[in-house]
Amino acid sequence: MVNGIFIGNVPLVRVAVASRHAVRTPLVVLDSGFTGDLQIPSNVADALKLQVVGVTSARIADGKIIQVPVASASAAMEGVVQSVEVLISEGMPLIGIGFLAKFGYRAGLDCKNKAILLEMI
């Protein structure tokens, strides 16, 4: 079970992201509108020394379609490690539905009480 926090109205959880070179544990936004695994800014990707393996099209919140570099990394939650697709794009780091599905999480958001619970099912 993973507990997250809210800052304002933004739900956040901490995720361990690793490459062969480094590990980082950023707070990431739990974004149910993001269908991918993980999005991180270029400074985190650079710190991890991630290798870009391609480019993908992504629709952002305002409806625009942009081209985004893609890399692979490992992510760890509660001692479980999964390979994740990483989009490298400026802005807040995000985890999406793909990430939650890979780890088998059910997400509970209590916006009134500002509580987040990720439970493996």
C-alpha atoms as a PDB file:
ATOM      1  CA  MET A   1       0.000   0.000   0.000  1.00  0.00           C
ATOM      2  CA  VAL A   2       1.306   3.454  -0.961  1.00  0.00           C
ATOM      3  CA  ASN A   3       0.021   6.683   0.537  1.00  0.00           C
ATOM      4  CA  GLY A   4       0.340   9.891  -1.406  1.00  0.00           C
ATOM      5  CA  ILE A   5      -0.122  13.528  -0.573  1.00  0.00           C
ATOM      6  CA  PHE A   6      -1.967  16.482  -2.020  1.00  0.00           C
ATOM      7  CA  ILE A   7      -0.312  19.826  -2.590  1.00  0.00           C
ATOM      8  CA  GLY A   8      -3.214  22.147  -3.236  1.00  0.00           C
ATOM      9  CA  ASN A   9      -5.496  20.059  -5.444  1.00  0.00           C
ATOM     10  CA  VAL A  10      -2.650  18.051  -7.012  1.00  0.00           C
ATOM     11  CA  PRO A  11      -2.365  14.352  -6.005  1.00  0.00           C
ATOM     12  CA  LEU A  12       1.271  13.237  -5.660  1.00  0.00           C
ATOM     13  CA  VAL A  13       3.064   9.958  -4.958  1.00  0.00           C
ATOM     14  CA  ARG A  14       6.765   9.140  -4.709  1.00  0.00           C
ATOM     15  CA  VAL A  15       8.188   6.727  -7.293  1.00  0.00           C
ATOM     16  CA  ALA A  16      11.670   5.218  -7.558  1.00  0.00           C
ATOM     17  CA  VAL A  17      12.936   5.460 -11.149  1.00  0.00           C
ATOM     18  CA  ALA A  18      16.198   3.779 -12.121  1.00  0.00           C
ATOM     19  CA  SER A  19      18.571   3.267 -14.998  1.00  0.00           C
ATOM     20  CA  ARG A  20      21.859   1.362 -15.058  1.00  0.00           C
ATOM     21  CA  HIS A  21      23.525   4.587 -13.927  1.00  0.00           C
ATOM     22  CA  ALA A  22      21.382   6.164 -11.217  1.00  0.00           C
ATOM     23  CA  VAL A  23      18.178   6.159  -9.164  1.00  0.00           C
ATOM     24  CA  ARG A  24      15.867   9.101  -8.538  1.00  0.00           C
ATOM     25  CA  THR A  25      12.732   9.256  -6.382  1.00  0.00           C
ATOM     26  CA  PRO A  26      10.645  12.174  -7.627  1.00  0.00           C
ATOM     27  CA  LEU A  27       7.200  13.124  -6.431  1.00  0.00           C
ATOM     28  CA  VAL A  28       4.951  12.548  -9.428  1.00  0.00           C
ATOM     29  CA  VAL A  29       1.423  13.658 -10.221  1.00  0.00           C
ATOM     30  CA  LEU A  30      -1.142  10.857 -10.317  1.00  0.00           C
ATOM     31  CA  ASP A  31      -2.798  11.766 -13.627  1.00  0.00           C
ATOM     32  CA  SER A  32      -5.807   9.642 -14.574  1.00  0.00           C
ATOM     33  CA  GLY A  33      -5.979  11.439 -17.935  1.00  0.00           C
ATOM     34  CA  PHE A  34      -2.484  10.194 -18.880  1.00  0.00           C
ATOM     35  CA  THR A  35      -2.728   6.742 -20.447  1.00  0.00           C
ATOM     36  CA  GLY A  36       1.035   6.118 -20.477  1.00  0.00           C
ATOM     37  CA  ASP A  37       3.432   4.902 -17.810  1.00  0.00           C
ATOM     38  CA  LEU A  38       5.687   7.747 -16.711  1.00  0.00           C
ATOM     39  CA  GLN A  39       6.584  11.244 -17.849  1.00  0.00           C
ATOM     40  CA  ILE A  40       9.628  13.053 -16.452  1.00  0.00           C
ATOM     41  CA  PRO A  41      11.352  16.336 -17.299  1.00  0.00           C
ATOM     42  CA  SER A  42      14.657  16.355 -19.151  1.00  0.00           C
ATOM     43  CA  ASN A  43      16.709  17.218 -16.042  1.00  0.00           C
ATOM     44  CA  VAL A  44      15.566  13.971 -14.356  1.00  0.00           C
ATOM     45  CA  ALA A  45      16.166  11.991 -17.573  1.00  0.00           C
ATOM     46  CA  ASP A  46      19.655  13.536 -17.811  1.00  0.00           C
ATOM     47  CA  ALA A  47      20.415  12.671 -14.167  1.00  0.00           C
ATOM     48  CA  LEU A  48      19.401   9.064 -14.910  1.00  0.00           C
ATOM     49  CA  LYS A  49      21.411   9.130 -18.171  1.00  0.00           C
ATOM     50  CA  LEU A  50      18.433   7.676 -20.019  1.00  0.00           C
ATOM     51  CA  GLN A  51      18.944   6.855 -23.678  1.00  0.00           C
ATOM     52  CA  VAL A  52      16.219   8.063 -26.023  1.00  0.00           C
ATOM     53  CA  VAL A  53      14.968   5.121 -28.086  1.00  0.00           C
ATOM     54  CA  GLY A  54      12.404   6.941 -30.195  1.00  0.00           C
ATOM     55  CA  VAL A  55       9.799   9.657 -30.455  1.00  0.00           C
ATOM     56  CA  THR A  56       6.052   9.389 -30.005  1.00  0.00           C
ATOM     57  CA  SER A  57       3.094  11.665 -30.560  1.00  0.00           C
ATOM     58  CA  ALA A  58       1.278  12.777 -27.423  1.00  0.00           C
ATOM     59  CA  ARG A  59      -1.890  14.795 -26.973  1.00  0.00           C
ATOM     60  CA  ILE A  60      -1.463  17.303 -24.182  1.00  0.00           C
ATOM     61  CA  ALA A  61      -4.146  18.821 -21.948  1.00  0.00           C
ATOM     62  CA  ASP A  62      -4.944  21.693 -24.323  1.00  0.00           C
ATOM     63  CA  GLY A  63      -5.561  19.224 -27.179  1.00  0.00           C
ATOM     64  CA  LYS A  64      -2.334  19.892 -29.079  1.00  0.00           C
ATOM     65  CA  ILE A  65      -0.347  16.955 -30.404  1.00  0.00           C
ATOM     66  CA  ILE A  66       3.385  17.174 -29.735  1.00  0.00           C
ATOM     67  CA  GLN A  67       6.377  14.951 -30.454  1.00  0.00           C
ATOM     68  CA  VAL A  68       7.958  13.584 -27.284  1.00  0.00           C
ATOM     69  CA  PRO A  69      11.230  11.655 -26.821  1.00  0.00           C
ATOM     70  CA  VAL A  70      10.787   8.156 -25.356  1.00  0.00           C
ATOM     71  CA  ALA A  71      13.182   6.135 -23.184  1.00  0.00           C
ATOM     72  CA  SER A  72      12.990   2.993 -21.053  1.00  0.00           C
ATOM     73  CA  ALA A  73      13.679   2.783 -17.340  1.00  0.00           C
ATOM     74  CA  SER A  74      12.863   0.679 -14.314  1.00  0.00           C
ATOM     75  CA  ALA A  75      10.417   1.814 -11.663  1.00  0.00           C
ATOM     76  CA  ALA A  76       9.999   0.373  -8.193  1.00  0.00           C
ATOM     77  CA  MET A  77       7.019   0.455  -5.864  1.00  0.00           C
ATOM     78  CA  GLU A  78       6.783  -1.572  -2.651  1.00  0.00           C
ATOM     79  CA  GLY A  79       9.719  -3.778  -3.655  1.00  0.00           C
ATOM     80  CA  VAL A  80       8.256  -4.618  -7.086  1.00  0.00           C
ATOM     81  CA  VAL A  81      10.284  -3.537 -10.128  1.00  0.00           C
ATOM     82  CA  GLN A  82       8.757  -3.052 -13.570  1.00  0.00           C
ATOM     83  CA  SER A  83      10.108  -1.819 -16.890  1.00  0.00           C
ATOM     84  CA  VAL A  84       8.323   1.399 -17.856  1.00  0.00           C
ATOM     85  CA  GLU A  85       8.094   3.575 -20.939  1.00  0.00           C
ATOM     86  CA  VAL A  86       9.277   7.085 -20.099  1.00  0.00           C
ATOM     87  CA  LEU A  87       8.150  10.180 -21.970  1.00  0.00           C
ATOM     88  CA  ILE A  88      10.611  13.047 -21.602  1.00  0.00           C
ATOM     89  CA  SER A  89       8.725  16.317 -21.498  1.00  0.00           C
ATOM     90  CA  GLU A  90       8.996  19.486 -19.457  1.00  0.00           C
ATOM     91  CA  GLY A  91       6.536  20.086 -16.667  1.00  0.00           C
ATOM     92  CA  MET A  92       5.555  18.065 -13.644  1.00  0.00           C
ATOM     93  CA  PRO A  93       6.508  14.382 -13.588  1.00  0.00           C
ATOM     94  CA  LEU A  94       3.430  12.193 -14.118  1.00  0.00           C
ATOM     95  CA  ILE A  95       2.374   8.599 -13.658  1.00  0.00           C
ATOM     96  CA  GLY A  96      -0.580   7.418 -15.661  1.00  0.00           C
ATOM     97  CA  ILE A  97      -2.999   4.564 -16.029  1.00  0.00           C
ATOM     98  CA  GLY A  98      -0.386   2.423 -17.801  1.00  0.00           C
ATOM     99  CA  PHE A  99       1.908   2.679 -14.763  1.00  0.00           C
ATOM    100  CA  LEU A 100      -0.864   1.774 -12.322  1.00  0.00           C
ATOM    101  CA  ALA A 101      -1.900  -1.209 -14.467  1.00  0.00           C
ATOM    102  CA  LYS A 102       1.676  -2.552 -14.725  1.00  0.00           C
ATOM    103  CA  PHE A 103       1.964  -2.595 -10.945  1.00  0.00           C
ATOM    104  CA  GLY A 104      -1.585  -3.858 -10.435  1.00  0.00           C
ATOM    105  CA  TYR A 105      -2.672  -0.845  -8.407  1.00  0.00           C
ATOM    106  CA  ARG A 106      -6.135   0.331  -7.550  1.00  0.00           C
ATOM    107  CA  ALA A 107      -6.042   4.096  -6.923  1.00  0.00           C
ATOM    108  CA  GLY A 108      -8.207   5.714  -4.298  1.00  0.00           C
ATOM    109  CA  LEU A 109      -8.500   9.493  -4.201  1.00  0.00           C
ATOM    110  CA  ASP A 110     -10.321  11.197  -1.363  1.00  0.00           C
ATOM    111  CA  CYS A 111     -10.290  14.800  -2.559  1.00  0.00           C
ATOM    112  CA  LYS A 112     -12.363  16.084   0.359  1.00  0.00           C
ATOM    113  CA  ASN A 113      -9.864  14.779   2.924  1.00  0.00           C
ATOM    114  CA  LYS A 114      -6.803  15.142   0.644  1.00  0.00           C
ATOM    115  CA  ALA A 115      -5.815  11.462   0.836  1.00  0.00           C
ATOM    116  CA  ILE A 116      -4.361   9.126  -1.799  1.00  0.00           C
ATOM    117  CA  LEU A 117      -4.103   5.364  -1.485  1.00  0.00           C
ATOM    118  CA  LEU A 118      -2.572   3.003  -4.040  1.00  0.00           C
ATOM    119  CA  GLU A 119      -3.379  -0.631  -3.277  1.00  0.00           C
ATOM    120  CA  MET A 120      -2.015  -3.664  -5.138  1.00  0.00           C
ATOM    121  CA  ILE A 121      -4.865  -5.946  -6.137  1.00  0.00           C
END
